[in-house]
Amino acid sequence: FDQLTNDLKLFSKLSKLRGSDTYGLAFKINKKNIIYKLNENPLKIQKRQDYKKFIKNHLNENSKNFLYIGQNRLVTNGSKSSHENNQPIISENIIGIHNGIFSNIYSILGESLDNQNHEGLNVKSDSHLFYKLLSKIPNNDNFILQFLKIINEVKGNFSVAFFFKDRDELYLSSNC
């Protein structure tokens, strides 16, 4: 438990260079999905009492079938003031993180983007829209083939990590 807590602190410190607008973690512990995300600098979050309580309440030596993903977000599309836009993204059946930019995700989904205001309160993040698209794929044996079709259709540079809410499998993909 102490090693994991230290690893999370190191993760925040090293990832701060990637972005310091927001911070989020998703855990799958004993088949339960647990999310913590906040619109605040990652290094400040480590000192917050609610974060320390969250870690203490959810992470312990009895945790089995454990996995986690996390991200420090640099805002590009979608306001950081919108909890929905901050990562990890929670879609219908997937929890995931994304680094990079999907430059054509809005057109794939038929969404509009105000090119003058990428951080507008009503703008959904490209990450949110990507996981919305993935959630449309049936969670079955053909998932990987359908996922690869989407990956070949989207443009931009990206790295993603995600898991289904009801499965203990972690998916990683990058074109960088």
Protein backbone atom coordinates (compact mmCIF):
# COMPACT_ATOMS: atom_id res chain seq x y z
CA PHE A 1 0.00 0.00 0.00
CA ASP A 2 2.77 2.47 0.89
CA GLN A 3 4.60 1.67 -2.34
CA LEU A 4 1.47 2.36 -4.38
CA THR A 5 0.92 5.67 -2.59
CA ASN A 6 4.52 6.64 -3.37
CA ASP A 7 4.06 5.55 -6.99
CA LEU A 8 0.97 7.77 -7.31
CA LYS A 9 2.95 10.74 -5.99
CA LEU A 10 5.73 10.03 -8.47
CA PHE A 11 3.16 9.62 -11.27
CA SER A 12 1.79 13.09 -10.47
CA LYS A 13 5.21 14.67 -10.35
CA LEU A 14 6.43 13.14 -13.62
CA SER A 15 3.13 13.64 -15.45
CA LYS A 16 2.88 17.30 -14.47
CA LEU A 17 5.11 18.09 -17.44
CA ARG A 18 2.38 16.64 -19.68
CA GLY A 19 -0.31 18.88 -18.21
CA SER A 20 -1.29 20.54 -14.99
CA ASP A 21 -4.85 21.70 -15.65
CA THR A 22 -6.64 18.71 -14.12
CA TYR A 23 -5.88 15.38 -12.45
CA GLY A 24 -7.69 12.07 -12.44
CA LEU A 25 -7.38 8.40 -11.53
CA ALA A 26 -9.53 5.38 -12.27
CA PHE A 27 -9.11 2.21 -10.28
CA LYS A 28 -10.60 -1.21 -10.77
CA ILE A 29 -10.30 -2.99 -7.45
CA ASN A 30 -11.98 -6.33 -6.81
CA LYS A 31 -14.22 -5.72 -9.86
CA LYS A 32 -15.35 -2.31 -8.54
CA ASN A 33 -14.73 0.89 -10.56
CA ILE A 34 -13.56 3.84 -8.50
CA ILE A 35 -12.93 7.31 -9.95
CA TYR A 36 -11.24 10.40 -8.56
CA LYS A 37 -10.86 13.49 -10.71
CA LEU A 38 -10.55 17.14 -9.93
CA ASN A 39 -10.00 20.40 -11.76
CA GLU A 40 -6.78 21.30 -9.97
CA ASN A 41 -3.02 21.13 -10.26
CA PRO A 42 -1.89 17.51 -9.71
CA LEU A 43 0.77 18.34 -7.12
CA LYS A 44 -1.73 20.30 -5.03
CA ILE A 45 -4.18 17.40 -5.11
CA GLN A 46 -1.68 15.12 -3.37
CA LYS A 47 -1.93 17.39 -0.31
CA ARG A 48 -5.74 17.57 -0.18
CA GLN A 49 -7.49 15.81 2.69
CA ASP A 50 -10.26 14.46 0.42
CA TYR A 51 -7.64 12.84 -1.83
CA LYS A 52 -5.80 11.29 1.12
CA LYS A 53 -9.12 9.98 2.47
CA PHE A 54 -10.02 8.61 -0.99
CA ILE A 55 -6.71 6.71 -1.21
CA LYS A 56 -6.99 5.41 2.35
CA ASN A 57 -10.61 4.27 1.90
CA HIS A 58 -10.12 2.49 -1.41
CA LEU A 59 -6.57 1.20 -1.55
CA ASN A 60 -5.40 -1.37 0.93
CA GLU A 61 -3.54 -4.65 1.21
CA ASN A 62 -6.74 -6.64 0.61
CA SER A 63 -7.14 -5.24 -2.89
CA LYS A 64 -7.01 -7.99 -5.50
CA ASN A 65 -7.46 -7.82 -9.28
CA PHE A 66 -6.09 -4.33 -9.15
CA LEU A 67 -5.46 -1.95 -12.05
CA TYR A 68 -5.38 1.78 -12.44
CA ILE A 69 -5.00 4.46 -15.07
CA GLY A 70 -4.48 8.15 -14.54
CA GLN A 71 -3.81 11.37 -16.30
CA ASN A 72 -2.79 14.97 -15.77
CA ARG A 73 -4.70 16.92 -18.39
CA LEU A 74 -3.49 19.75 -20.56
CA VAL A 75 -6.71 21.32 -21.85
CA THR A 76 -6.96 21.50 -25.64
CA ASN A 77 -10.63 20.83 -26.47
CA GLY A 78 -13.43 21.19 -23.97
CA SER A 79 -13.43 23.28 -20.83
CA LYS A 80 -11.67 22.01 -17.73
CA SER A 81 -14.60 23.45 -15.79
CA SER A 82 -16.76 20.65 -17.18
CA HIS A 83 -16.32 17.57 -14.96
CA GLU A 84 -17.46 15.43 -17.89
CA ASN A 85 -14.51 16.60 -20.02
CA ASN A 86 -11.85 15.82 -17.43
CA GLN A 87 -10.14 12.49 -17.35
CA PRO A 88 -10.62 9.66 -16.79
CA ILE A 89 -13.52 9.82 -19.18
CA ILE A 90 -16.54 7.80 -18.14
CA SER A 91 -18.70 6.66 -21.05
CA GLU A 92 -21.59 4.25 -21.19
CA ASN A 93 -19.47 1.15 -20.64
CA ILE A 94 -15.83 2.29 -20.77
CA ILE A 95 -13.50 4.24 -18.49
CA GLY A 96 -10.46 5.68 -20.24
CA ILE A 97 -7.75 8.27 -20.61
CA HIS A 98 -6.33 9.90 -23.72
CA ASN A 99 -3.24 11.91 -24.53
CA GLY A 100 -3.09 13.79 -27.83
CA ILE A 101 -5.67 15.21 -30.19
CA PHE A 102 -8.26 13.48 -32.37
CA SER A 103 -8.55 16.08 -35.11
CA ASN A 104 -11.58 14.61 -36.90
CA ILE A 105 -13.59 13.02 -34.07
CA TYR A 106 -16.23 15.77 -34.22
CA SER A 107 -16.99 15.09 -37.89
CA ILE A 108 -17.01 11.30 -37.38
CA LEU A 109 -19.74 11.71 -34.76
CA GLY A 110 -21.54 14.56 -36.52
CA GLU A 111 -20.74 16.98 -33.67
CA SER A 112 -19.92 20.62 -34.28
CA LEU A 113 -16.90 22.46 -32.93
CA ASP A 114 -16.70 26.22 -32.58
CA ASN A 115 -13.25 26.78 -34.04
CA GLN A 116 -12.99 30.08 -32.23
CA ASN A 117 -13.49 28.61 -28.76
CA HIS A 118 -12.05 25.14 -28.10
CA GLU A 119 -12.42 25.61 -24.35
CA GLY A 120 -16.04 26.77 -24.38
CA LEU A 121 -18.30 25.40 -21.66
CA ASN A 122 -20.49 23.61 -24.20
CA VAL A 123 -17.61 22.04 -26.13
CA LYS A 124 -17.12 18.34 -25.44
CA SER A 125 -13.53 17.20 -25.32
CA ASP A 126 -12.26 15.07 -28.17
CA SER A 127 -11.47 12.43 -25.54
CA HIS A 128 -15.08 12.38 -24.38
CA LEU A 129 -16.29 11.97 -27.97
CA PHE A 130 -13.76 9.21 -28.67
CA TYR A 131 -15.00 7.13 -25.73
CA LYS A 132 -18.58 7.87 -26.72
CA LEU A 133 -17.73 6.34 -30.11
CA LEU A 134 -16.03 3.31 -28.54
CA SER A 135 -19.05 2.70 -26.31
CA LYS A 136 -21.12 2.06 -29.42
CA ILE A 137 -19.05 -1.04 -30.19
CA PRO A 138 -20.53 -4.24 -28.73
CA ASN A 139 -18.42 -5.63 -25.90
CA ASN A 140 -17.81 -9.04 -27.46
CA ASP A 141 -15.22 -11.07 -29.36
CA ASN A 142 -15.31 -8.67 -32.32
CA PHE A 143 -14.41 -5.62 -30.22
CA ILE A 144 -10.74 -5.52 -31.25
CA LEU A 145 -11.58 -5.60 -34.97
CA GLN A 146 -14.13 -2.80 -34.57
CA PHE A 147 -11.70 -0.83 -32.40
CA LEU A 148 -9.02 -1.10 -35.11
CA LYS A 149 -11.48 0.24 -37.70
CA ILE A 150 -12.07 3.31 -35.55
CA ILE A 151 -8.35 3.77 -34.91
CA ASN A 152 -7.73 3.70 -38.66
CA GLU A 153 -10.49 6.28 -39.23
CA VAL A 154 -9.46 8.88 -36.65
CA LYS A 155 -6.79 11.43 -37.50
CA GLY A 156 -4.30 12.99 -35.13
CA ASN A 157 -1.73 11.78 -32.64
CA PHE A 158 -2.98 9.83 -29.68
CA SER A 159 -2.28 7.37 -26.92
CA VAL A 160 -5.20 5.79 -25.07
CA ALA A 161 -5.65 3.47 -22.12
CA PHE A 162 -9.07 2.15 -21.12
CA PHE A 163 -11.04 -0.68 -19.62
CA PHE A 164 -14.63 -1.86 -19.78
CA LYS A 165 -16.59 -1.25 -16.61
CA ASP A 166 -17.52 -4.93 -16.42
CA ARG A 167 -14.22 -6.59 -17.42
CA ASP A 168 -10.76 -6.87 -15.87
CA GLU A 169 -8.85 -6.11 -19.07
CA LEU A 170 -6.75 -3.05 -19.81
CA TYR A 171 -6.47 -1.85 -23.42
CA LEU A 172 -3.57 0.33 -24.61
CA SER A 173 -3.13 1.87 -28.04
CA SER A 174 -0.94 4.56 -29.55
CA ASN A 175 -0.02 5.85 -32.96
CA CYS A 176 2.83 8.01 -31.63
